N, C-alpha and C. Protein backbone atom coordinates (compact mmCIF):
# COMPACT_ATOMS: atom_id res chain seq x y z
N MET A 1 118.64 92.70 351.22
CA MET A 1 117.79 92.05 350.33
C MET A 1 115.86 93.15 350.18
N VAL A 2 115.58 93.22 349.77
CA VAL A 2 114.61 93.78 348.87
C VAL A 2 112.82 92.71 349.61
N ASN A 3 112.20 93.15 350.29
CA ASN A 3 110.92 92.78 350.55
C ASN A 3 109.90 92.65 349.43
N ILE A 4 109.25 91.75 349.23
CA ILE A 4 108.56 91.44 347.96
C ILE A 4 107.10 91.03 348.59
N ASP A 5 105.85 92.09 348.07
CA ASP A 5 104.72 90.95 348.75
C ASP A 5 104.57 89.57 347.51
N SER A 6 104.35 88.58 347.79
CA SER A 6 104.06 87.66 347.04
C SER A 6 103.41 87.54 346.50
N GLU A 7 102.34 87.91 346.74
CA GLU A 7 101.06 87.51 346.03
C GLU A 7 100.68 88.46 344.90
N PHE A 8 101.04 90.11 345.17
CA PHE A 8 101.06 91.07 344.64
C PHE A 8 102.08 90.73 343.38
N LEU A 9 102.96 90.66 343.41
CA LEU A 9 104.28 89.55 342.53
C LEU A 9 103.32 88.93 341.15
N ILE A 10 102.87 87.53 342.37
CA ILE A 10 101.85 86.25 341.61
C ILE A 10 100.86 87.04 340.50
N ASN A 11 100.55 87.83 341.13
CA ASN A 11 99.27 89.12 340.27
C ASN A 11 99.66 89.55 339.55
N LYS A 12 101.00 90.25 339.25
CA LYS A 12 101.39 90.83 338.53
C LYS A 12 101.83 90.09 336.77
N VAL A 13 101.64 88.91 337.94
CA VAL A 13 102.89 88.44 336.54
C VAL A 13 101.55 87.30 336.19
N GLN A 14 101.03 86.79 336.43
CA GLN A 14 99.28 86.58 335.99
C GLN A 14 98.70 87.82 335.25
N LYS A 15 98.86 88.70 335.27
CA LYS A 15 98.28 89.65 333.99
C LYS A 15 99.37 89.71 333.23
N ARG A 16 100.37 88.71 332.74
CA ARG A 16 100.99 89.02 332.02
C ARG A 16 101.11 87.62 330.70
N PRO A 17 100.61 87.47 330.22
CA PRO A 17 100.19 85.62 329.82
C PRO A 17 101.70 85.63 328.53
N LEU A 18 102.09 86.35 328.65
CA LEU A 18 103.66 86.32 327.80
C LEU A 18 104.06 86.04 328.53
N LEU A 19 104.66 86.58 329.04
CA LEU A 19 105.68 85.78 330.79
C LEU A 19 105.89 84.45 330.97
N TRP A 20 104.55 83.85 330.41
CA TRP A 20 104.61 82.42 331.28
C TRP A 20 103.28 81.45 330.72
N ASP A 21 102.81 81.50 329.31
CA ASP A 21 101.88 80.90 328.73
C ASP A 21 102.38 81.02 327.01
N THR A 22 103.50 79.44 327.51
CA THR A 22 103.47 78.76 326.10
C THR A 22 103.58 79.48 324.66
N SER A 23 102.07 79.21 324.94
CA SER A 23 101.18 79.84 323.56
C SER A 23 100.52 81.12 323.48
N ASN A 24 101.51 81.45 323.99
CA ASN A 24 100.93 83.43 323.29
C ASN A 24 101.76 83.74 322.56
N GLU A 25 101.27 84.42 321.79
CA GLU A 25 102.20 84.43 320.58
C GLU A 25 103.44 85.25 320.46
N ASP A 26 103.26 86.93 321.69
CA ASP A 26 104.63 87.27 322.53
C ASP A 26 105.51 86.43 323.45
N TYR A 27 104.87 85.00 324.02
CA TYR A 27 106.12 84.28 324.44
C TYR A 27 107.66 84.32 324.27
N LYS A 28 107.82 84.36 323.08
CA LYS A 28 109.80 84.23 322.33
C LYS A 28 110.03 85.41 322.30
N ASP A 29 109.33 86.96 322.28
CA ASP A 29 109.71 88.25 321.82
C ASP A 29 110.68 88.23 323.35
N LYS A 30 112.17 88.64 323.37
CA LYS A 30 112.79 88.90 324.54
C LYS A 30 112.01 90.36 324.79
N SER A 31 111.94 91.48 323.85
CA SER A 31 110.91 92.45 323.92
C SER A 31 110.74 93.21 324.92
N LYS A 32 109.41 91.79 324.02
CA LYS A 32 108.25 92.70 325.19
C LYS A 32 108.32 91.98 326.59
N LYS A 33 109.31 90.67 326.89
CA LYS A 33 108.88 89.82 327.63
C LYS A 33 110.03 91.71 329.22
N ASN A 34 110.81 91.61 328.07
CA ASN A 34 111.93 92.43 329.31
C ASN A 34 110.78 93.81 329.84
N SER A 35 110.28 94.82 328.83
CA SER A 35 109.50 95.48 329.09
C SER A 35 108.11 95.41 330.22
N ALA A 36 107.40 94.22 330.18
CA ALA A 36 106.92 93.49 331.06
C ALA A 36 107.72 93.32 332.85
N TRP A 37 108.41 92.54 332.83
CA TRP A 37 109.56 92.51 333.89
C TRP A 37 109.89 94.03 334.12
N PHE A 38 110.37 94.91 333.07
CA PHE A 38 110.19 96.51 333.59
C PHE A 38 108.63 97.66 334.42
N GLU A 39 107.93 96.83 334.36
CA GLU A 39 106.51 97.44 334.20
C GLU A 39 106.42 96.55 336.10
N ILE A 40 106.55 95.21 336.10
CA ILE A 40 106.34 95.12 337.33
C ILE A 40 107.25 95.58 338.41
N ALA A 41 108.73 95.37 338.05
CA ALA A 41 109.60 95.85 339.19
C ALA A 41 108.62 97.98 339.42
N LEU A 42 108.45 98.51 338.15
CA LEU A 42 108.39 99.68 338.96
C LEU A 42 107.21 99.31 339.69
N SER A 43 106.40 98.89 339.49
CA SER A 43 105.04 98.70 340.69
C SER A 43 105.26 98.34 341.76
N LEU A 44 106.54 97.39 341.72
CA LEU A 44 107.15 96.77 343.24
C LEU A 44 107.71 97.53 343.80
N LEU A 45 108.42 98.03 343.38
CA LEU A 45 109.97 98.65 343.54
C LEU A 45 110.09 100.36 343.78
N SER A 46 109.31 101.38 344.74
CA SER A 46 108.82 102.56 344.71
C SER A 46 110.19 103.27 344.25
N ASN A 47 111.69 103.01 343.79
CA ASN A 47 112.93 103.34 343.58
C ASN A 47 113.18 103.41 342.42
N PHE A 48 112.53 102.17 341.52
CA PHE A 48 113.16 101.90 340.70
C PHE A 48 113.76 102.68 339.58
N ASN A 49 112.81 103.58 339.65
CA ASN A 49 112.86 104.98 338.36
C ASN A 49 114.52 105.67 338.76
N GLU A 50 114.70 105.98 339.78
CA GLU A 50 116.26 106.07 340.93
C GLU A 50 117.26 105.26 340.31
N GLU A 51 117.04 104.30 339.70
CA GLU A 51 118.24 103.12 340.14
C GLU A 51 118.46 103.59 338.21
N ASN A 52 119.94 103.30 338.24
CA ASN A 52 121.11 103.94 336.38
C ASN A 52 119.90 102.08 336.09
N GLU A 53 120.56 102.62 334.61
CA GLU A 53 120.08 101.87 333.91
C GLU A 53 120.72 100.31 334.00
N ALA A 54 122.10 99.85 334.21
CA ALA A 54 122.66 98.52 334.26
C ALA A 54 121.54 97.91 335.78
N GLN A 55 121.38 99.58 336.96
CA GLN A 55 121.02 98.56 337.82
C GLN A 55 119.46 97.99 337.62
N GLN A 56 119.12 98.95 336.93
CA GLN A 56 117.44 97.92 336.03
C GLN A 56 117.43 96.75 335.57
N LYS A 57 118.37 96.94 334.83
CA LYS A 57 118.59 95.76 334.56
C LYS A 57 119.06 94.38 334.84
N LEU A 58 119.20 94.53 336.23
CA LEU A 58 120.05 93.71 336.64
C LEU A 58 118.71 93.72 337.81
N ILE A 59 117.83 94.25 338.07
CA ILE A 59 116.73 94.34 339.18
C ILE A 59 115.96 93.03 338.66
N CYS A 60 114.97 92.85 336.83
CA CYS A 60 114.64 93.04 335.75
C CYS A 60 115.03 91.23 336.22
N LYS A 61 116.18 91.11 335.52
CA LYS A 61 117.06 89.81 335.53
C LYS A 61 116.73 89.25 336.76
N TYR A 62 117.21 90.00 338.37
CA TYR A 62 116.77 89.55 339.02
C TYR A 62 115.09 88.78 339.11
N PHE A 63 114.28 89.35 338.86
CA PHE A 63 112.72 88.92 338.41
C PHE A 63 112.63 87.67 337.59
N VAL A 64 113.15 87.40 336.74
CA VAL A 64 113.35 86.06 335.84
C VAL A 64 113.67 85.65 336.15
N HIS A 65 114.89 85.34 336.50
CA HIS A 65 115.93 84.33 336.84
C HIS A 65 115.76 83.88 338.17
N ILE A 66 115.53 84.34 339.34
CA ILE A 66 115.63 83.85 340.93
C ILE A 66 113.91 84.24 340.99
N LEU A 67 113.35 84.81 340.60
CA LEU A 67 112.09 84.64 341.23
C LEU A 67 111.38 84.15 340.04
N PHE A 68 111.18 83.34 338.83
CA PHE A 68 110.71 82.86 338.15
C PHE A 68 111.25 82.27 336.54
N PRO A 69 111.72 81.89 337.86
CA PRO A 69 113.06 80.66 335.86
C PRO A 69 112.22 79.60 335.11
N VAL A 70 110.85 79.88 335.51
CA VAL A 70 110.68 78.81 334.72
C VAL A 70 109.98 79.62 333.70
N SER A 71 109.21 81.22 333.39
CA SER A 71 109.21 81.67 332.24
C SER A 71 109.91 82.16 331.44
N TYR A 72 110.94 81.69 331.46
CA TYR A 72 111.98 81.87 330.54
C TYR A 72 112.48 79.72 329.52
N LEU A 73 111.83 79.27 330.22
CA LEU A 73 111.89 77.73 330.21
C LEU A 73 111.19 77.51 328.63
């Protein structure tokens, strides 16, 4: 299991309202949301770029569905 600084992660998500603000015009744009999660993963995990594409997608899904499930309601 990866240890993640909770406050750092929350700060990164707060800076991307398209992940949580239902009134944001990009809230329903899955491509933009995926890009935002990708950026967050890059900033949190030093070896994220070294992972293959399938692993990167899995890591982003972990963020979305385990850590912040409300963002996709």
